[in-house]
Amino acid sequence: LPISHCPTTPLPHQVVEFCEQWLDDHKLAAFKTTFVEPALLYFSAISAERHLINTIVHGRNLYAAVLMSTLGVQLPVAPFLDDNHRWGWVPFLRVAKADPDFKSALDVLWKPENLGKDRVTLPPCKNVKSVPSEVRPPDKTFIWDDQDMTPRTLANAALDMSASNKDRRDELSEYLAKFIEWFSGRLFGLVGWFACAFFRSFARSFRFSFR
């Protein structure tokens, strides 16, 4: 390139900026596909259309807080930890285990080639029109069935190592394992490896506390 067209930013800094942006984009895509789109799938299936926006606003606060407390993952947009509007919370894996149609749609949503995609672009997800009432979890809950929780209190509860909390933590680990899966092997790729060389911000069991 002519000197007038050469980058003025030093190459190492450009590499760092690229890796940072790529990792942020990948984290957001993994977060969306692991937590947000399945919750939207559930509320759409039970015809709770008013809770779709609640999932995007309030549900995201919870799921992001849980990732921060358990794995040390920080998304580009920080969650509001004291959000007490709990619509948008749902333990959707419980639904998937009890409802074959919902599980089939979730399996499609979680295919590697669908990372970051909206559920409405995937026909099997659009075809889920109901969830039997007997398998629907309590409203405004996520694993812990306390309807007075906030993202802060639930994120702290996820760190409780007591024997009485083991079943809940085991259930939560299924969600976390799926999130981590997007950062492994061919799903992450060489670019991800380089990005993580600069930014080790995930897949670590930090003992965060939001108190």
Protein backbone atom coordinates (compact mmCIF):
# COMPACT_ATOMS: atom_id res chain seq x y z
CA LEU A 1 0.00 0.00 0.00
CA PRO A 2 1.11 3.58 -0.54
CA ILE A 3 2.33 5.17 2.64
CA SER A 4 -0.71 7.46 2.67
CA HIS A 5 -2.97 4.39 2.86
CA CYS A 6 -1.02 2.46 5.47
CA PRO A 7 -2.74 1.90 8.82
CA THR A 8 -1.65 4.37 11.45
CA THR A 9 -2.56 2.04 14.32
CA PRO A 10 0.24 -0.40 15.23
CA LEU A 11 -0.50 -3.93 14.07
CA PRO A 12 -0.46 -5.55 17.53
CA HIS A 13 -3.10 -3.08 18.72
CA GLN A 14 -5.22 -3.82 15.66
CA VAL A 15 -4.99 -7.52 16.40
CA VAL A 16 -6.07 -6.94 19.98
CA GLU A 17 -9.03 -4.82 18.86
CA PHE A 18 -10.09 -7.45 16.33
CA CYS A 19 -9.86 -10.26 18.87
CA GLU A 20 -11.77 -8.26 21.45
CA GLN A 21 -14.59 -7.49 19.01
CA TRP A 22 -14.71 -11.06 17.73
CA LEU A 23 -14.87 -12.49 21.24
CA ASP A 24 -17.60 -10.05 22.28
CA ASP A 25 -19.64 -10.98 19.21
CA HIS A 26 -19.15 -14.68 19.86
CA LYS A 27 -20.11 -14.36 23.52
CA LEU A 28 -23.28 -12.48 22.58
CA ALA A 29 -24.20 -15.08 19.98
CA ALA A 30 -23.61 -17.92 22.47
CA PHE A 31 -25.61 -16.08 25.14
CA LYS A 32 -28.48 -15.44 22.75
CA THR A 33 -28.64 -19.03 21.51
CA THR A 34 -28.15 -20.68 24.90
CA PHE A 35 -30.51 -18.58 27.01
CA VAL A 36 -32.49 -15.87 25.26
CA GLU A 37 -33.86 -17.66 22.21
CA PRO A 38 -34.96 -20.78 24.17
CA ALA A 39 -36.82 -18.57 26.65
CA LEU A 40 -38.45 -16.72 23.75
CA LEU A 41 -39.34 -20.07 22.22
CA TYR A 42 -41.11 -21.08 25.41
CA PHE A 43 -43.11 -17.89 25.86
CA SER A 44 -44.10 -17.88 22.22
CA ALA A 45 -45.24 -21.51 22.49
CA ILE A 46 -47.54 -20.75 25.43
CA SER A 47 -48.88 -17.65 23.63
CA ALA A 48 -47.47 -15.28 26.25
CA GLU A 49 -46.54 -12.73 23.63
CA ARG A 50 -46.32 -9.92 26.17
CA HIS A 51 -43.39 -11.69 27.80
CA LEU A 52 -41.23 -11.73 24.69
CA ILE A 53 -40.02 -8.20 25.34
CA ASN A 54 -39.75 -9.03 29.04
CA THR A 55 -37.36 -11.85 28.16
CA ILE A 56 -35.19 -9.53 26.10
CA VAL A 57 -35.09 -6.90 28.85
CA HIS A 58 -35.51 -8.68 32.19
CA GLY A 59 -34.63 -12.27 31.36
CA ARG A 60 -31.29 -11.17 29.95
CA ASN A 61 -30.41 -9.57 33.28
CA LEU A 62 -30.83 -12.87 35.08
CA TYR A 63 -29.03 -15.08 32.59
CA ALA A 64 -26.13 -12.63 32.28
CA ALA A 65 -25.81 -12.39 36.07
CA VAL A 66 -25.65 -16.18 36.38
CA LEU A 67 -22.89 -16.38 33.77
CA MET A 68 -20.93 -13.67 35.56
CA SER A 69 -21.19 -15.32 38.95
CA THR A 70 -20.47 -18.91 37.93
CA LEU A 71 -18.11 -18.69 34.95
CA GLY A 72 -16.75 -15.17 35.24
CA VAL A 73 -18.18 -14.30 31.83
CA GLN A 74 -18.82 -10.60 31.31
CA LEU A 75 -20.98 -9.66 28.36
CA PRO A 76 -20.49 -6.31 26.58
CA VAL A 77 -23.67 -5.05 28.29
CA ALA A 78 -23.68 -5.42 32.08
CA PRO A 79 -26.84 -6.84 33.69
CA PHE A 80 -29.00 -4.85 36.11
CA LEU A 81 -28.57 -7.03 39.18
CA ASP A 82 -31.44 -5.63 41.24
CA ASP A 83 -34.09 -6.02 38.55
CA ASN A 84 -37.16 -7.33 40.41
CA HIS A 85 -39.29 -7.81 37.31
CA ARG A 86 -38.99 -11.56 36.84
CA TRP A 87 -41.04 -12.13 33.70
CA GLY A 88 -38.73 -13.66 31.13
CA TRP A 89 -37.30 -16.16 33.60
CA VAL A 90 -37.96 -19.81 32.74
CA PRO A 91 -36.10 -23.11 33.32
CA PHE A 92 -36.68 -24.16 29.74
CA LEU A 93 -34.62 -27.35 29.98
CA ARG A 94 -37.24 -28.73 32.37
CA VAL A 95 -39.79 -28.13 29.65
CA ALA A 96 -37.57 -29.79 27.03
CA LYS A 97 -37.24 -32.92 29.17
CA ALA A 98 -41.01 -33.23 29.51
CA ASP A 99 -42.21 -32.08 26.10
CA PRO A 100 -40.78 -33.86 23.01
CA ASP A 101 -41.97 -31.16 20.60
CA PHE A 102 -40.24 -28.42 22.57
CA LYS A 103 -37.07 -30.52 22.83
CA SER A 104 -37.04 -31.11 19.07
CA ALA A 105 -37.28 -27.37 18.44
CA LEU A 106 -34.54 -26.67 21.00
CA ASP A 107 -32.28 -29.25 19.37
CA VAL A 108 -32.66 -27.43 16.05
CA LEU A 109 -32.00 -24.07 17.68
CA TRP A 110 -28.82 -25.48 19.23
CA LYS A 111 -27.36 -26.91 16.04
CA PRO A 112 -23.89 -25.43 15.40
CA GLU A 113 -24.97 -23.81 12.15
CA ASN A 114 -27.75 -21.94 13.96
CA LEU A 115 -25.54 -20.13 16.46
CA GLY A 116 -26.77 -16.56 16.83
CA LYS A 117 -29.89 -17.05 14.71
CA ASP A 118 -33.39 -15.93 15.65
CA ARG A 119 -35.78 -18.78 16.37
CA VAL A 120 -38.36 -17.30 14.00
CA THR A 121 -36.05 -18.01 11.05
CA LEU A 122 -36.08 -21.75 11.83
CA PRO A 123 -39.28 -23.56 10.77
CA PRO A 124 -39.18 -26.26 13.50
CA CYS A 125 -39.09 -23.52 16.14
CA LYS A 126 -41.93 -21.61 14.50
CA ASN A 127 -44.06 -24.77 14.57
CA VAL A 128 -44.08 -25.13 18.37
CA LYS A 129 -47.53 -23.80 19.19
CA SER A 130 -48.17 -25.06 22.72
CA VAL A 131 -46.68 -26.53 25.88
CA PRO A 132 -48.86 -28.83 28.02
CA SER A 133 -49.95 -27.07 31.18
CA GLU A 134 -48.73 -29.94 33.36
CA VAL A 135 -45.11 -29.41 32.31
CA ARG A 136 -45.05 -25.63 32.56
CA PRO A 137 -42.77 -24.42 35.39
CA PRO A 138 -43.93 -21.83 37.93
CA ASP A 139 -44.02 -18.27 36.60
CA LYS A 140 -41.16 -15.89 37.31
CA THR A 141 -38.67 -18.56 38.36
CA PHE A 142 -35.44 -20.06 37.10
CA ILE A 143 -34.39 -23.34 38.78
CA TRP A 144 -34.76 -21.81 42.26
CA ASP A 145 -38.51 -21.65 42.84
CA ASP A 146 -38.42 -18.50 44.96
CA GLN A 147 -40.46 -15.78 43.27
CA ASP A 148 -38.85 -13.04 45.36
CA MET A 149 -35.39 -13.42 43.85
CA THR A 150 -33.49 -10.86 41.80
CA PRO A 151 -30.62 -11.56 39.41
CA ARG A 152 -28.27 -10.65 42.26
CA THR A 153 -29.74 -13.07 44.80
CA LEU A 154 -30.07 -15.92 42.32
CA ALA A 155 -26.52 -15.43 41.06
CA ASN A 156 -25.32 -15.66 44.66
CA ALA A 157 -27.51 -18.72 45.29
CA ALA A 158 -25.75 -20.39 42.36
CA LEU A 159 -22.51 -20.24 44.37
CA ASP A 160 -23.97 -21.91 47.47
CA MET A 161 -22.05 -25.17 47.85
CA SER A 162 -24.27 -26.63 50.58
CA ALA A 163 -25.67 -30.13 50.17
CA SER A 164 -29.22 -28.78 50.14
CA ASN A 165 -28.37 -26.73 47.06
CA LYS A 166 -26.71 -29.52 45.08
CA ASP A 167 -29.70 -30.47 42.93
CA ARG A 168 -30.23 -26.89 41.82
CA ARG A 169 -26.57 -26.39 41.02
CA ASP A 170 -26.55 -29.64 39.06
CA GLU A 171 -29.54 -28.42 37.06
CA LEU A 172 -27.85 -25.09 36.41
CA SER A 173 -24.70 -26.87 35.24
CA GLU A 174 -26.61 -28.19 32.22
CA TYR A 175 -27.20 -24.62 31.01
CA LEU A 176 -23.61 -23.60 31.69
CA ALA A 177 -22.25 -26.67 29.90
CA LYS A 178 -24.22 -25.73 26.80
CA PHE A 179 -22.89 -22.18 26.90
CA ILE A 180 -19.30 -23.40 27.27
CA GLU A 181 -19.80 -25.81 24.37
CA TRP A 182 -19.90 -22.85 21.97
CA PHE A 183 -16.30 -22.10 22.97
CA SER A 184 -14.84 -25.51 22.26
CA GLY A 185 -13.35 -27.31 19.29
CA ARG A 186 -14.48 -26.47 15.79
CA LEU A 187 -17.29 -24.26 17.09
CA PHE A 188 -14.72 -21.77 18.33
CA GLY A 189 -11.98 -22.14 15.78
CA LEU A 190 -8.55 -20.63 15.39
CA VAL A 191 -9.78 -17.04 15.69
CA GLY A 192 -11.30 -17.88 19.05
CA TRP A 193 -8.05 -19.43 20.20
CA PHE A 194 -6.17 -16.24 19.41
CA ALA A 195 -8.90 -14.14 21.02
CA CYS A 196 -8.65 -16.11 24.23
CA ALA A 197 -4.92 -15.67 24.28
CA PHE A 198 -5.68 -11.99 24.84
CA PHE A 199 -8.90 -12.23 26.82
CA ARG A 200 -9.37 -15.03 29.31
CA SER A 201 -12.79 -13.90 30.46
CA PHE A 202 -14.78 -17.13 30.50
CA ALA A 203 -14.81 -20.84 31.44
CA ARG A 204 -13.40 -20.23 34.93
CA SER A 205 -15.18 -21.11 38.15
CA PHE A 206 -14.71 -17.80 39.93
CA ARG A 207 -16.29 -17.31 43.32
CA PHE A 208 -17.96 -14.02 42.50
CA SER A 209 -20.36 -12.51 44.96
CA PHE A 210 -22.66 -9.58 44.25
CA ARG A 211 -23.34 -8.77 47.87
